[in-house]
Amino acid sequence: MRLGLTFYLSKMQHPSNEPRGTYGNSSKGMIIGPAYANKNASVLKDFVLPQTFRLQFRAESFNTFNQVNFANPNACANAGSAFGQIQSTVAQTRRQLQLASKLLW
């Protein structure tokens, strides 16, 4: 996805052109931001040991595909040339892998 304009600015009018106290005719939810994707995965295996013991091995992955998520477009009409542009990403953790083993009895 390219960072930049997410809607047509030519269809917008600056609020200073409207009489005070009016809200315009834009519908609610008109500006929709980019989708958010974060996939986690885990795999585990139980090994049966003598007597009543079991050993469990677990591998977990958080943000498995290391997906970059972009922030919502700037919706502040006073932002000047930044209005309607996506300028950052959502703060999130990088891909994390975790291994664990557990002895059950």
Protein backbone atom coordinates (compact mmCIF):
# COMPACT_ATOMS: atom_id res chain seq x y z
CA MET A 1 0.00 0.00 0.00
CA ARG A 2 1.30 3.41 -0.92
CA LEU A 3 1.19 6.12 1.71
CA GLY A 4 -0.70 9.12 0.47
CA LEU A 5 -4.21 10.38 -0.17
CA THR A 6 -7.01 8.03 0.75
CA PHE A 7 -9.94 10.07 -0.61
CA TYR A 8 -10.58 12.92 -3.06
CA LEU A 9 -9.77 16.31 -1.56
CA SER A 10 -11.51 18.05 -4.47
CA LYS A 11 -14.83 16.77 -3.08
CA MET A 12 -14.13 18.35 0.33
CA GLN A 13 -14.71 21.89 1.49
CA HIS A 14 -12.82 23.55 4.31
CA PRO A 15 -15.06 24.20 7.36
CA SER A 16 -14.11 27.91 7.36
CA ASN A 17 -16.28 28.27 4.22
CA GLU A 18 -19.40 27.09 6.08
CA PRO A 19 -21.49 29.21 8.48
CA ARG A 20 -20.61 28.75 12.13
CA GLY A 21 -22.59 25.97 13.84
CA THR A 22 -23.18 23.88 10.73
CA TYR A 23 -21.60 20.49 10.24
CA GLY A 24 -21.86 20.03 6.48
CA ASN A 25 -23.36 17.05 4.68
CA SER A 26 -20.66 14.40 5.06
CA SER A 27 -21.93 11.06 6.26
CA LYS A 28 -20.70 9.33 9.39
CA GLY A 29 -17.88 6.90 8.68
CA MET A 30 -17.10 8.46 5.30
CA ILE A 31 -13.35 8.07 5.78
CA ILE A 32 -12.32 4.47 6.31
CA GLY A 33 -8.79 3.63 7.32
CA PRO A 34 -6.72 0.68 6.12
CA ALA A 35 -7.40 -2.82 7.45
CA TYR A 36 -5.60 -4.17 10.51
CA ALA A 37 -4.09 -7.65 10.32
CA ASN A 38 -2.32 -9.55 13.07
CA LYS A 39 -2.14 -13.34 12.91
CA ASN A 40 -0.90 -15.56 15.72
CA ALA A 41 -0.15 -19.29 15.56
CA SER A 42 0.76 -22.08 17.95
CA VAL A 43 1.69 -25.74 17.70
CA LEU A 44 1.98 -28.18 20.58
CA LYS A 45 2.91 -31.83 20.97
CA ASP A 46 2.40 -34.08 23.99
CA PHE A 47 4.90 -36.89 24.62
CA VAL A 48 3.83 -39.70 26.94
CA LEU A 49 6.54 -40.64 29.44
CA PRO A 50 6.71 -43.65 31.79
CA GLN A 51 4.28 -43.76 34.73
CA THR A 52 1.87 -40.82 34.72
CA PHE A 53 4.21 -38.20 33.30
CA ARG A 54 3.70 -36.23 30.10
CA LEU A 55 6.03 -33.75 28.45
CA GLN A 56 4.42 -30.99 26.44
CA PHE A 57 6.39 -29.02 23.85
CA ARG A 58 4.88 -25.77 22.56
CA ALA A 59 5.94 -23.34 19.81
CA GLU A 60 4.07 -20.05 19.55
CA SER A 61 4.34 -17.18 17.12
CA PHE A 62 2.88 -13.68 17.56
CA ASN A 63 2.43 -11.41 14.52
CA THR A 64 3.43 -14.46 12.48
CA PHE A 65 3.54 -12.78 9.06
CA ASN A 66 5.16 -9.58 10.40
CA GLN A 67 2.37 -7.51 8.82
CA VAL A 68 2.79 -3.73 8.75
CA ASN A 69 -0.42 -1.92 9.76
CA PHE A 70 -0.92 1.65 8.62
CA ALA A 71 -2.61 4.30 10.78
CA ASN A 72 -5.83 6.09 9.85
CA PRO A 73 -5.66 9.06 7.49
CA ASN A 74 -5.27 12.51 9.00
CA ALA A 75 -8.86 13.79 9.32
CA CYS A 76 -8.04 17.20 10.84
CA ALA A 77 -9.14 19.88 8.37
CA ASN A 78 -6.53 22.29 9.77
CA ALA A 79 -3.64 19.94 8.94
CA GLY A 80 -2.91 21.67 5.65
CA SER A 81 -1.23 19.46 3.07
CA ALA A 82 -1.25 16.50 5.52
CA PHE A 83 -5.07 16.38 5.46
CA GLY A 84 -6.29 13.01 4.18
CA GLN A 85 -2.87 11.40 4.13
CA ILE A 86 -1.60 8.35 5.96
CA GLN A 87 1.64 9.38 7.58
CA SER A 88 2.50 6.64 10.04
CA THR A 89 2.07 3.04 11.07
CA VAL A 90 0.28 1.64 14.10
CA ALA A 91 2.61 0.92 17.03
CA GLN A 92 2.88 -2.83 17.34
CA THR A 93 5.38 -5.49 18.25
CA ARG A 94 7.55 -7.21 15.69
CA ARG A 95 7.23 -10.92 15.04
CA GLN A 96 7.88 -12.87 18.24
CA LEU A 97 8.65 -16.57 18.52
CA GLN A 98 8.33 -18.44 21.79
CA LEU A 99 9.33 -22.01 22.67
CA ALA A 100 8.27 -23.74 25.86
CA SER A 101 8.19 -27.18 27.44
CA LYS A 102 6.12 -28.33 30.38
CA LEU A 103 6.24 -31.47 32.48
CA LEU A 104 2.77 -32.66 33.52
CA TRP A 105 2.09 -35.29 36.20
